[in-house]
């Protein structure tokens, strides 16, 4: 995965709480074995008026022309709840999102995002409300600086918390397996010192 340092992007405000993984990527699209081809089905049941995904719903925010190139998703609490399917972050990332900002996330969803380089940012309810207000008044662009743990747009700057391990993985562009592989020389040296019976 790519290293995450900073990202500036257009925000799409999805003002809905408790969005579960079945809403993000419905179960009928989980049959693929590769990690590609999910972005087109993101929010399928809200995004399309038909079952085949041929008729876009003009009322759904992702289909509005002004949000065509959005790469930051602003939403409400408990995002990614429900089943632990990895396909949900895959769909968001393939669609083009780099950052998701919410007051809270389901734990497994949060970890699955980190594992593919998609940054989930937790801000307070008050800060989220302020961002929604700005996004309602005009198109909102935000800059996310991972080194300093900040979200800003010139007028405002919020600080977010991120665990050291998660920050390391994002900055280095590695998942938890990749971090282990980075220490392969040390692992092999340790194993070479061990008696054969161990």
N, C-alpha and C. Protein backbone atom coordinates (compact mmCIF):
# COMPACT_ATOMS: atom_id res chain seq x y z
N UNK A 1 0.83 -1.19 0.00
CA UNK A 1 0.00 0.00 0.00
C UNK A 1 0.88 1.25 0.00
N UNK A 2 0.29 2.37 -0.40
CA UNK A 2 1.04 3.62 -0.47
C UNK A 2 1.28 4.21 0.92
N UNK A 3 2.41 4.92 1.05
CA UNK A 3 2.67 5.63 2.30
C UNK A 3 1.72 6.81 2.41
N UNK A 4 1.28 7.09 3.63
CA UNK A 4 0.40 8.23 3.87
C UNK A 4 1.20 9.30 4.60
N UNK A 5 1.29 10.47 4.01
CA UNK A 5 1.97 11.59 4.67
C UNK A 5 0.97 12.73 4.89
N UNK A 6 0.58 13.37 3.79
CA UNK A 6 -0.47 14.39 3.84
C UNK A 6 -1.44 14.14 2.70
N UNK A 7 -2.64 14.62 2.89
CA UNK A 7 -3.64 14.53 1.82
C UNK A 7 -4.56 15.73 1.89
N UNK A 8 -4.76 16.38 0.75
CA UNK A 8 -5.74 17.45 0.65
C UNK A 8 -6.81 17.01 -0.33
N UNK A 9 -8.06 17.10 0.10
CA UNK A 9 -9.12 16.62 -0.78
C UNK A 9 -10.46 17.25 -0.47
N UNK A 10 -11.38 17.04 -1.40
CA UNK A 10 -12.75 17.52 -1.28
C UNK A 10 -13.52 16.60 -0.34
N UNK A 11 -14.32 17.20 0.53
CA UNK A 11 -15.12 16.46 1.51
C UNK A 11 -16.53 16.22 0.98
N UNK A 12 -17.01 14.98 1.10
CA UNK A 12 -18.42 14.70 0.84
C UNK A 12 -19.08 14.44 2.19
N UNK A 13 -20.10 15.25 2.57
CA UNK A 13 -20.75 15.10 3.87
C UNK A 13 -21.91 14.11 3.81
N UNK A 14 -21.73 12.96 4.43
CA UNK A 14 -22.76 11.92 4.48
C UNK A 14 -23.33 11.93 5.90
N UNK A 15 -24.39 12.68 6.09
CA UNK A 15 -24.91 12.97 7.43
C UNK A 15 -25.85 11.87 7.92
N UNK A 16 -25.29 10.67 8.13
CA UNK A 16 -26.06 9.52 8.57
C UNK A 16 -25.24 8.79 9.63
N UNK A 17 -25.88 8.42 10.72
CA UNK A 17 -25.20 7.66 11.78
C UNK A 17 -25.43 6.16 11.58
N UNK A 18 -24.57 5.37 12.20
CA UNK A 18 -24.71 3.91 12.24
C UNK A 18 -24.76 3.27 10.85
N UNK A 19 -23.93 3.75 9.95
CA UNK A 19 -23.86 3.12 8.63
C UNK A 19 -23.09 1.80 8.76
N UNK A 20 -23.76 0.70 8.45
CA UNK A 20 -23.11 -0.60 8.63
C UNK A 20 -22.44 -1.07 7.34
N UNK A 21 -21.69 -2.15 7.47
CA UNK A 21 -20.90 -2.62 6.32
C UNK A 21 -21.78 -3.15 5.20
N UNK A 22 -23.00 -3.59 5.51
CA UNK A 22 -23.91 -4.06 4.46
C UNK A 22 -24.42 -2.88 3.63
N UNK A 23 -24.54 -1.71 4.25
CA UNK A 23 -24.89 -0.52 3.48
C UNK A 23 -23.71 -0.06 2.62
N UNK A 24 -22.51 -0.20 3.17
CA UNK A 24 -21.31 0.21 2.43
C UNK A 24 -21.10 -0.69 1.21
N UNK A 25 -21.18 -1.99 1.41
CA UNK A 25 -21.04 -2.94 0.30
C UNK A 25 -21.99 -4.12 0.56
N UNK A 26 -23.15 -4.15 -0.09
CA UNK A 26 -24.15 -5.20 0.15
C UNK A 26 -23.62 -6.60 -0.10
N UNK A 27 -24.21 -7.55 0.59
CA UNK A 27 -23.71 -8.93 0.62
C UNK A 27 -23.65 -9.59 -0.74
N UNK A 28 -24.51 -9.21 -1.70
CA UNK A 28 -24.51 -9.88 -3.00
C UNK A 28 -23.24 -9.61 -3.81
N UNK A 29 -22.43 -8.66 -3.36
CA UNK A 29 -21.20 -8.33 -4.09
C UNK A 29 -19.94 -8.90 -3.42
N UNK A 30 -20.11 -9.81 -2.48
CA UNK A 30 -18.97 -10.33 -1.74
C UNK A 30 -18.40 -11.62 -2.34
N UNK A 31 -18.84 -12.00 -3.52
CA UNK A 31 -18.43 -13.28 -4.10
C UNK A 31 -17.08 -13.21 -4.80
N UNK A 32 -16.58 -12.02 -5.05
CA UNK A 32 -15.30 -11.89 -5.74
C UNK A 32 -14.17 -12.32 -4.82
N UNK A 33 -13.16 -12.93 -5.40
CA UNK A 33 -12.03 -13.40 -4.60
C UNK A 33 -10.87 -12.41 -4.61
N UNK A 34 -10.83 -11.51 -5.60
CA UNK A 34 -9.78 -10.49 -5.64
C UNK A 34 -10.23 -9.28 -4.83
N UNK A 35 -9.27 -8.38 -4.57
CA UNK A 35 -9.58 -7.19 -3.79
C UNK A 35 -9.91 -6.00 -4.69
N UNK A 36 -10.44 -6.28 -5.86
CA UNK A 36 -10.79 -5.22 -6.81
C UNK A 36 -12.22 -5.41 -7.28
N UNK A 37 -12.80 -4.33 -7.81
CA UNK A 37 -14.13 -4.42 -8.37
C UNK A 37 -15.25 -4.09 -7.40
N UNK A 38 -14.90 -3.54 -6.24
CA UNK A 38 -15.92 -3.24 -5.24
C UNK A 38 -16.35 -1.77 -5.24
N UNK A 39 -15.51 -0.89 -5.75
CA UNK A 39 -15.81 0.53 -5.72
C UNK A 39 -17.09 0.89 -6.44
N UNK A 40 -17.36 0.22 -7.54
CA UNK A 40 -18.58 0.50 -8.31
C UNK A 40 -19.84 0.13 -7.54
N UNK A 41 -19.72 -0.74 -6.55
CA UNK A 41 -20.87 -1.17 -5.76
C UNK A 41 -20.97 -0.44 -4.41
N UNK A 42 -20.10 0.51 -4.16
CA UNK A 42 -20.13 1.25 -2.90
C UNK A 42 -21.48 1.91 -2.69
N UNK A 43 -22.08 1.71 -1.51
CA UNK A 43 -23.40 2.27 -1.18
C UNK A 43 -24.45 1.94 -2.25
N UNK A 44 -24.36 0.74 -2.80
CA UNK A 44 -25.18 0.35 -3.95
C UNK A 44 -26.67 0.64 -3.76
N UNK A 45 -27.23 0.25 -2.63
CA UNK A 45 -28.68 0.36 -2.44
C UNK A 45 -29.15 1.81 -2.34
N UNK A 46 -28.27 2.70 -1.94
CA UNK A 46 -28.61 4.13 -1.89
C UNK A 46 -28.20 4.85 -3.17
N UNK A 47 -27.17 4.34 -3.79
CA UNK A 47 -26.57 5.03 -4.94
C UNK A 47 -27.32 4.78 -6.25
N UNK A 48 -28.03 3.66 -6.32
CA UNK A 48 -28.74 3.31 -7.55
C UNK A 48 -30.22 3.08 -7.29
N UNK A 49 -31.03 3.32 -8.33
CA UNK A 49 -32.47 3.11 -8.24
C UNK A 49 -32.87 1.71 -8.68
N UNK A 50 -31.96 1.01 -9.35
CA UNK A 50 -32.25 -0.34 -9.84
C UNK A 50 -31.28 -1.34 -9.21
N UNK A 51 -31.60 -2.62 -9.32
CA UNK A 51 -30.77 -3.67 -8.72
C UNK A 51 -29.45 -3.87 -9.45
N UNK A 52 -29.42 -3.53 -10.74
CA UNK A 52 -28.23 -3.79 -11.56
C UNK A 52 -27.21 -2.67 -11.52
N UNK A 53 -27.50 -1.57 -10.85
CA UNK A 53 -26.56 -0.48 -10.74
C UNK A 53 -26.37 0.30 -12.03
N UNK A 54 -27.44 0.40 -12.82
CA UNK A 54 -27.37 1.12 -14.09
C UNK A 54 -28.03 2.49 -14.02
N UNK A 55 -28.91 2.68 -13.04
CA UNK A 55 -29.66 3.94 -12.94
C UNK A 55 -29.30 4.67 -11.65
N UNK A 56 -28.40 5.65 -11.72
CA UNK A 56 -27.99 6.37 -10.51
C UNK A 56 -29.15 7.11 -9.86
N UNK A 57 -29.13 7.13 -8.54
CA UNK A 57 -30.12 7.88 -7.77
C UNK A 57 -29.64 9.33 -7.68
N UNK A 58 -30.31 10.27 -8.34
CA UNK A 58 -29.82 11.66 -8.36
C UNK A 58 -29.85 12.33 -7.00
N UNK A 59 -30.60 11.77 -6.04
CA UNK A 59 -30.71 12.36 -4.71
C UNK A 59 -29.58 11.93 -3.78
N UNK A 60 -28.88 10.84 -4.13
CA UNK A 60 -27.82 10.37 -3.25
C UNK A 60 -26.58 11.23 -3.44
N UNK A 61 -25.96 11.61 -2.34
CA UNK A 61 -24.92 12.64 -2.37
C UNK A 61 -23.71 12.28 -3.23
N UNK A 62 -23.33 11.01 -3.29
CA UNK A 62 -22.17 10.64 -4.11
C UNK A 62 -22.44 10.83 -5.60
N UNK A 63 -23.70 10.89 -5.98
CA UNK A 63 -24.04 11.07 -7.40
C UNK A 63 -24.17 12.53 -7.80
N UNK A 64 -24.05 13.43 -6.85
CA UNK A 64 -24.15 14.85 -7.18
C UNK A 64 -22.84 15.31 -7.83
N UNK A 65 -22.92 16.02 -8.95
CA UNK A 65 -21.72 16.40 -9.71
C UNK A 65 -20.66 17.13 -8.89
N UNK A 66 -21.09 17.94 -7.92
CA UNK A 66 -20.12 18.73 -7.15
C UNK A 66 -19.23 17.87 -6.24
N UNK A 67 -19.62 16.61 -6.04
CA UNK A 67 -18.81 15.72 -5.19
C UNK A 67 -18.12 14.61 -5.99
N UNK A 68 -18.05 14.81 -7.29
CA UNK A 68 -17.51 13.77 -8.17
C UNK A 68 -16.09 13.36 -7.78
N UNK A 69 -15.26 14.29 -7.39
CA UNK A 69 -13.86 13.99 -7.10
C UNK A 69 -13.55 13.98 -5.60
N UNK A 70 -14.56 13.79 -4.77
CA UNK A 70 -14.34 13.80 -3.32
C UNK A 70 -13.45 12.63 -2.90
N UNK A 71 -12.54 12.91 -1.98
CA UNK A 71 -11.63 11.86 -1.49
C UNK A 71 -11.64 11.76 0.04
N UNK A 72 -12.46 12.61 0.69
CA UNK A 72 -12.60 12.57 2.15
C UNK A 72 -14.08 12.41 2.48
N UNK A 73 -14.40 11.39 3.24
CA UNK A 73 -15.78 11.13 3.63
C UNK A 73 -16.00 11.61 5.06
N UNK A 74 -16.96 12.52 5.22
CA UNK A 74 -17.34 13.03 6.54
C UNK A 74 -18.67 12.39 6.91
N UNK A 75 -18.73 11.73 8.07
CA UNK A 75 -19.96 11.03 8.42
C UNK A 75 -20.17 11.06 9.93
N UNK A 76 -21.13 10.29 10.39
CA UNK A 76 -21.52 10.32 11.80
C UNK A 76 -21.04 9.09 12.56
N UNK A 77 -21.50 8.97 13.81
CA UNK A 77 -20.95 7.97 14.73
C UNK A 77 -21.22 6.53 14.31
N UNK A 78 -20.34 5.65 14.79
CA UNK A 78 -20.47 4.20 14.64
C UNK A 78 -20.39 3.77 13.18
N UNK A 79 -19.55 4.44 12.41
CA UNK A 79 -19.41 4.11 11.00
C UNK A 79 -18.70 2.76 10.86
N UNK A 80 -19.23 1.92 9.95
CA UNK A 80 -18.62 0.61 9.71
C UNK A 80 -19.06 -0.47 10.68
N UNK A 81 -20.18 -0.24 11.35
CA UNK A 81 -20.68 -1.26 12.29
C UNK A 81 -21.24 -2.44 11.50
N UNK A 82 -21.70 -3.47 12.21
CA UNK A 82 -22.24 -4.65 11.53
C UNK A 82 -21.18 -5.72 11.35
N UNK A 83 -21.27 -6.46 10.26
CA UNK A 83 -20.34 -7.57 10.03
C UNK A 83 -18.93 -7.04 9.80
N UNK A 84 -17.97 -7.94 9.95
CA UNK A 84 -16.55 -7.52 9.90
C UNK A 84 -15.96 -7.60 8.50
N UNK A 85 -16.78 -7.61 7.48
CA UNK A 85 -16.28 -7.80 6.11
C UNK A 85 -15.22 -6.77 5.72
N UNK A 86 -14.09 -7.27 5.22
CA UNK A 86 -13.02 -6.40 4.75
C UNK A 86 -13.39 -5.66 3.48
N UNK A 87 -14.40 -6.17 2.79
CA UNK A 87 -14.80 -5.59 1.51
C UNK A 87 -15.27 -4.15 1.65
N UNK A 88 -15.75 -3.77 2.83
CA UNK A 88 -16.26 -2.40 3.02
C UNK A 88 -15.15 -1.36 2.86
N UNK A 89 -14.01 -1.49 3.57
CA UNK A 89 -12.93 -0.55 3.31
C UNK A 89 -12.36 -0.67 1.89
N UNK A 90 -12.36 -1.89 1.35
CA UNK A 90 -11.88 -2.06 -0.03
C UNK A 90 -12.72 -1.22 -0.99
N UNK A 91 -14.05 -1.25 -0.81
CA UNK A 91 -14.94 -0.50 -1.70
C UNK A 91 -14.72 1.00 -1.55
N UNK A 92 -14.57 1.47 -0.33
CA UNK A 92 -14.33 2.90 -0.09
C UNK A 92 -13.02 3.35 -0.71
N UNK A 93 -11.97 2.54 -0.53
CA UNK A 93 -10.66 2.89 -1.04
C UNK A 93 -10.63 2.86 -2.57
N UNK A 94 -11.28 1.86 -3.15
CA UNK A 94 -11.28 1.76 -4.62
C UNK A 94 -12.10 2.87 -5.26
N UNK A 95 -13.14 3.31 -4.56
CA UNK A 95 -13.94 4.42 -5.06
C UNK A 95 -13.11 5.71 -5.16
N UNK A 96 -12.14 5.85 -4.24
CA UNK A 96 -11.29 7.03 -4.26
C UNK A 96 -11.12 7.73 -2.94
N UNK A 97 -11.71 7.19 -1.89
CA UNK A 97 -11.57 7.81 -0.58
C UNK A 97 -10.20 7.49 0.02
N UNK A 98 -9.58 8.51 0.60
CA UNK A 98 -8.30 8.37 1.29
C UNK A 98 -8.45 8.52 2.80
N UNK A 99 -9.50 9.25 3.21
CA UNK A 99 -9.72 9.59 4.62
C UNK A 99 -11.20 9.48 4.93
N UNK A 100 -11.53 8.95 6.11
CA UNK A 100 -12.89 8.96 6.62
C UNK A 100 -12.87 9.66 7.98
N UNK A 101 -13.74 10.63 8.17
CA UNK A 101 -13.79 11.38 9.42
C UNK A 101 -15.15 11.14 10.07
N UNK A 102 -15.12 10.68 11.32
CA UNK A 102 -16.35 10.40 12.06
C UNK A 102 -16.07 10.49 13.55
N UNK A 103 -17.12 10.58 14.38
CA UNK A 103 -16.89 10.58 15.83
C UNK A 103 -16.43 9.23 16.35
N UNK A 104 -16.88 8.14 15.69
CA UNK A 104 -16.50 6.80 16.15
C UNK A 104 -16.66 5.80 15.01
N UNK A 105 -15.91 4.70 15.13
CA UNK A 105 -15.93 3.63 14.13
C UNK A 105 -16.09 2.29 14.85
N UNK A 106 -16.63 1.32 14.13
CA UNK A 106 -16.58 -0.05 14.64
C UNK A 106 -15.12 -0.48 14.67
N UNK A 107 -14.71 -1.19 15.71
CA UNK A 107 -13.29 -1.52 15.93
C UNK A 107 -12.68 -2.30 14.78
N UNK A 108 -13.36 -3.36 14.32
CA UNK A 108 -12.78 -4.20 13.26
C UNK A 108 -12.69 -3.41 11.96
N UNK A 109 -13.72 -2.64 11.65
CA UNK A 109 -13.69 -1.80 10.46
C UNK A 109 -12.52 -0.83 10.51
N UNK A 110 -12.31 -0.24 11.67
CA UNK A 110 -11.21 0.72 11.86
C UNK A 110 -9.87 0.06 11.52
N UNK A 111 -9.63 -1.12 12.07
CA UNK A 111 -8.38 -1.83 11.80
C UNK A 111 -8.25 -2.24 10.35
N UNK A 112 -9.35 -2.63 9.73
CA UNK A 112 -9.31 -3.02 8.32
C UNK A 112 -8.96 -1.83 7.43
N UNK A 113 -9.40 -0.64 7.82
CA UNK A 113 -9.04 0.56 7.06
C UNK A 113 -7.53 0.80 7.13
N UNK A 114 -6.97 0.75 8.33
CA UNK A 114 -5.54 0.97 8.51
C UNK A 114 -4.73 -0.02 7.66
N UNK A 115 -5.20 -1.27 7.59
CA UNK A 115 -4.47 -2.32 6.87
C UNK A 115 -4.37 -2.09 5.37
N UNK A 116 -5.20 -1.18 4.82
CA UNK A 116 -5.10 -0.91 3.39
C UNK A 116 -4.70 0.54 3.11
N UNK A 117 -4.34 1.28 4.16
CA UNK A 117 -3.87 2.65 3.97
C UNK A 117 -4.97 3.69 3.91
N UNK A 118 -6.18 3.32 4.32
CA UNK A 118 -7.30 4.26 4.39
C UNK A 118 -7.35 4.81 5.81
N UNK A 119 -7.22 6.12 5.97
CA UNK A 119 -7.07 6.72 7.29
C UNK A 119 -8.42 7.05 7.93
N UNK A 120 -8.80 6.36 9.01
CA UNK A 120 -10.02 6.72 9.75
C UNK A 120 -9.67 7.69 10.87
N UNK A 121 -10.29 8.84 10.87
CA UNK A 121 -9.99 9.89 11.86
C UNK A 121 -11.20 10.10 12.77
N UNK A 122 -10.93 10.04 14.08
CA UNK A 122 -11.98 10.30 15.06
C UNK A 122 -11.87 11.74 15.56
N UNK A 123 -12.95 12.48 15.42
CA UNK A 123 -13.05 13.82 15.98
C UNK A 123 -14.26 13.88 16.91
N UNK A 124 -14.31 14.89 17.74
CA UNK A 124 -15.44 15.02 18.67
C UNK A 124 -16.72 15.36 17.90
N UNK A 125 -17.86 15.13 18.56
CA UNK A 125 -19.15 15.47 17.96
C UNK A 125 -19.21 16.95 17.59
N UNK A 126 -18.67 17.80 18.47
CA UNK A 126 -18.69 19.25 18.22
C UNK A 126 -17.86 19.60 16.98
N UNK A 127 -16.70 18.98 16.86
CA UNK A 127 -15.85 19.24 15.69
C UNK A 127 -16.51 18.73 14.41
N UNK A 128 -17.12 17.55 14.49
CA UNK A 128 -17.84 17.00 13.34
C UNK A 128 -18.98 17.93 12.93
N UNK A 129 -19.72 18.42 13.91
CA UNK A 129 -20.82 19.36 13.62
C UNK A 129 -20.30 20.60 12.90
N UNK A 130 -19.15 21.09 13.35
CA UNK A 130 -18.58 22.29 12.73
C UNK A 130 -18.20 22.02 11.27
N UNK A 131 -17.64 20.84 11.02
CA UNK A 131 -17.27 20.49 9.64
C UNK A 131 -18.51 20.32 8.76
N UNK A 132 -19.56 19.71 9.30
CA UNK A 132 -20.80 19.57 8.53
C UNK A 132 -21.38 20.94 8.20
N UNK A 133 -21.32 21.84 9.15
CA UNK A 133 -21.84 23.18 8.91
C UNK A 133 -21.07 23.87 7.79
N UNK A 134 -19.75 23.73 7.81
CA UNK A 134 -18.93 24.33 6.75
C UNK A 134 -19.21 23.67 5.40
N UNK A 135 -19.38 22.35 5.41
CA UNK A 135 -19.63 21.63 4.16
C UNK A 135 -21.00 21.95 3.58
N UNK A 136 -21.95 22.29 4.45
CA UNK A 136 -23.29 22.67 3.99
C UNK A 136 -23.29 24.04 3.33
N UNK A 137 -22.43 24.92 3.80
CA UNK A 137 -22.41 26.30 3.29
C UNK A 137 -21.64 26.43 1.98
N UNK A 138 -20.64 25.58 1.79
CA UNK A 138 -19.82 25.66 0.59
C UNK A 138 -19.01 24.37 0.45
N UNK A 139 -18.45 24.16 -0.73
CA UNK A 139 -17.58 23.01 -0.93
C UNK A 139 -16.40 23.11 0.04
N UNK A 140 -16.15 22.03 0.76
CA UNK A 140 -15.13 22.04 1.80
C UNK A 140 -13.96 21.15 1.39
N UNK A 141 -12.78 21.74 1.38
CA UNK A 141 -11.55 20.99 1.18
C UNK A 141 -10.78 20.96 2.50
N UNK A 142 -10.24 19.82 2.84
CA UNK A 142 -9.46 19.67 4.06
C UNK A 142 -8.08 19.12 3.75
N UNK A 143 -7.12 19.50 4.59
CA UNK A 143 -5.78 18.93 4.52
C UNK A 143 -5.55 18.10 5.77
N UNK A 144 -5.15 16.85 5.54
CA UNK A 144 -4.83 15.94 6.63
C UNK A 144 -3.33 15.76 6.67
N UNK A 145 -2.74 16.08 7.81
CA UNK A 145 -1.29 15.98 8.01
C UNK A 145 -1.05 14.89 9.06
N UNK A 146 -0.58 13.74 8.60
CA UNK A 146 -0.42 12.61 9.52
C UNK A 146 0.72 12.83 10.50
N UNK A 147 1.79 13.48 10.06
CA UNK A 147 2.93 13.71 10.94
C UNK A 147 2.53 14.52 12.18
N UNK A 148 1.65 15.49 11.97
CA UNK A 148 1.22 16.36 13.07
C UNK A 148 -0.17 16.02 13.60
N UNK A 149 -0.78 14.99 13.03
CA UNK A 149 -2.12 14.56 13.45
C UNK A 149 -3.14 15.70 13.41
N UNK A 150 -3.18 16.42 12.29
CA UNK A 150 -4.10 17.55 12.17
C UNK A 150 -5.00 17.42 10.94
N UNK A 151 -6.18 18.00 11.10
CA UNK A 151 -7.13 18.18 10.00
C UNK A 151 -7.40 19.67 9.94
N UNK A 152 -7.18 20.28 8.78
CA UNK A 152 -7.33 21.74 8.71
C UNK A 152 -7.82 22.18 7.34
N UNK A 153 -8.32 23.41 7.28
CA UNK A 153 -8.68 24.01 5.99
C UNK A 153 -8.36 25.50 5.96
N UNK A 154 -7.45 25.93 6.80
CA UNK A 154 -7.09 27.35 6.84
C UNK A 154 -7.81 28.07 7.96
N UNK A 155 -9.13 27.96 7.98
CA UNK A 155 -9.92 28.62 9.02
C UNK A 155 -9.90 27.85 10.33
N UNK A 156 -9.81 26.54 10.23
CA UNK A 156 -9.85 25.71 11.44
C UNK A 156 -8.73 24.68 11.39
N UNK A 157 -8.39 24.17 12.55
CA UNK A 157 -7.43 23.08 12.64
C UNK A 157 -7.78 22.21 13.84
N UNK A 158 -8.02 20.95 13.59
CA UNK A 158 -8.34 20.01 14.65
C UNK A 158 -7.24 18.97 14.77
N UNK A 159 -6.99 18.52 15.98
CA UNK A 159 -6.00 17.48 16.22
C UNK A 159 -6.72 16.16 16.51
N UNK A 160 -6.21 15.08 15.93
CA UNK A 160 -6.79 13.77 16.17
C UNK A 160 -5.74 12.84 16.76
N UNK A 161 -6.20 11.80 17.42
CA UNK A 161 -5.30 10.82 18.02
C UNK A 161 -5.23 9.58 17.15
N UNK A 162 -4.04 8.99 17.11
CA UNK A 162 -3.82 7.76 16.36
C UNK A 162 -2.73 6.97 17.06
N UNK A 163 -2.97 5.69 17.30
CA UNK A 163 -1.99 4.86 17.97
C UNK A 163 -0.68 4.80 17.23
N UNK A 164 0.43 4.63 17.95
CA UNK A 164 1.76 4.62 17.34
C UNK A 164 1.91 3.54 16.27
N UNK A 165 1.38 2.34 16.56
CA UNK A 165 1.50 1.25 15.60
C UNK A 165 0.75 1.57 14.32
N UNK A 166 -0.47 2.10 14.45
CA UNK A 166 -1.26 2.45 13.27
C UNK A 166 -0.59 3.57 12.48
N UNK A 167 -0.05 4.53 13.20
CA UNK A 167 0.63 5.64 12.52
C UNK A 167 1.86 5.13 11.77
N UNK A 168 2.61 4.25 12.40
CA UNK A 168 3.79 3.66 11.75
C UNK A 168 3.39 2.95 10.46
N UNK A 169 2.36 2.13 10.53
CA UNK A 169 1.92 1.37 9.35
C UNK A 169 1.52 2.29 8.20
N UNK A 170 0.78 3.36 8.51
CA UNK A 170 0.35 4.30 7.47
C UNK A 170 1.53 5.07 6.90
N UNK A 171 2.41 5.55 7.77
CA UNK A 171 3.55 6.34 7.29
C UNK A 171 4.53 5.50 6.47
N UNK A 172 4.67 4.22 6.83
CA UNK A 172 5.60 3.35 6.12
C UNK A 172 4.95 2.61 4.96
N UNK A 173 3.62 2.66 4.89
CA UNK A 173 2.92 1.97 3.81
C UNK A 173 2.95 0.46 3.96
N UNK A 174 2.85 -0.02 5.20
CA UNK A 174 2.85 -1.46 5.44
C UNK A 174 1.67 -1.84 6.33
N UNK A 175 1.17 -3.05 6.13
CA UNK A 175 0.18 -3.57 7.07
C UNK A 175 0.91 -4.34 8.16
N UNK A 176 0.16 -4.99 9.05
CA UNK A 176 0.80 -5.68 10.18
C UNK A 176 1.71 -6.81 9.71
N UNK A 177 1.34 -7.48 8.61
CA UNK A 177 2.20 -8.54 8.06
C UNK A 177 3.47 -7.92 7.47
N UNK A 178 3.30 -6.82 6.77
CA UNK A 178 4.46 -6.14 6.19
C UNK A 178 5.44 -5.67 7.24
N UNK A 179 4.91 -5.23 8.38
CA UNK A 179 5.80 -4.81 9.48
C UNK A 179 6.63 -5.99 9.96
N UNK A 180 6.01 -7.14 10.07
CA UNK A 180 6.74 -8.35 10.47
C UNK A 180 7.81 -8.71 9.44
N UNK A 181 7.46 -8.63 8.16
CA UNK A 181 8.42 -8.95 7.10
C UNK A 181 9.60 -7.98 7.09
N UNK A 182 9.37 -6.75 7.54
CA UNK A 182 10.47 -5.79 7.63
C UNK A 182 11.52 -6.22 8.66
N UNK A 183 11.12 -7.10 9.54
CA UNK A 183 12.04 -7.59 10.58
C UNK A 183 12.51 -9.02 10.29
N UNK A 184 12.41 -9.42 9.03
CA UNK A 184 12.73 -10.81 8.67
C UNK A 184 14.17 -11.18 8.98
N UNK A 185 15.09 -10.25 8.77
CA UNK A 185 16.50 -10.54 9.08
C UNK A 185 16.69 -10.87 10.56
N UNK A 186 16.05 -10.09 11.42
CA UNK A 186 16.15 -10.34 12.86
C UNK A 186 15.48 -11.66 13.25
N UNK A 187 14.37 -11.95 12.60
CA UNK A 187 13.66 -13.20 12.88
C UNK A 187 14.53 -14.40 12.49
N UNK A 188 15.14 -14.31 11.31
CA UNK A 188 16.00 -15.41 10.85
C UNK A 188 17.23 -15.57 11.74
N UNK A 189 17.80 -14.45 12.17
CA UNK A 189 18.98 -14.51 13.05
C UNK A 189 18.61 -15.15 14.38
N UNK A 190 17.43 -14.83 14.89
CA UNK A 190 16.97 -15.42 16.15
C UNK A 190 16.75 -16.92 15.99
N UNK A 191 16.11 -17.31 14.89
CA UNK A 191 15.85 -18.72 14.65
C UNK A 191 17.13 -19.51 14.48
N UNK A 192 18.15 -18.88 13.88
CA UNK A 192 19.43 -19.58 13.65
C UNK A 192 20.12 -19.91 14.96
N UNK A 193 19.84 -19.12 16.00
CA UNK A 193 20.48 -19.35 17.32
C UNK A 193 19.75 -20.42 18.13
N UNK A 194 18.54 -20.78 17.72
CA UNK A 194 17.74 -21.71 18.48
C UNK A 194 18.15 -23.16 18.19
N UNK A 195 18.16 -24.02 19.20
CA UNK A 195 18.43 -25.45 18.97
C UNK A 195 17.41 -26.04 18.03
N UNK A 196 17.80 -27.03 17.25
CA UNK A 196 16.93 -27.64 16.26
C UNK A 196 15.64 -28.18 16.86
N UNK A 197 15.73 -28.71 18.07
CA UNK A 197 14.55 -29.32 18.69
C UNK A 197 13.49 -28.28 19.06
N UNK A 198 13.90 -27.01 19.08
CA UNK A 198 12.93 -25.95 19.38
C UNK A 198 12.36 -25.38 18.11
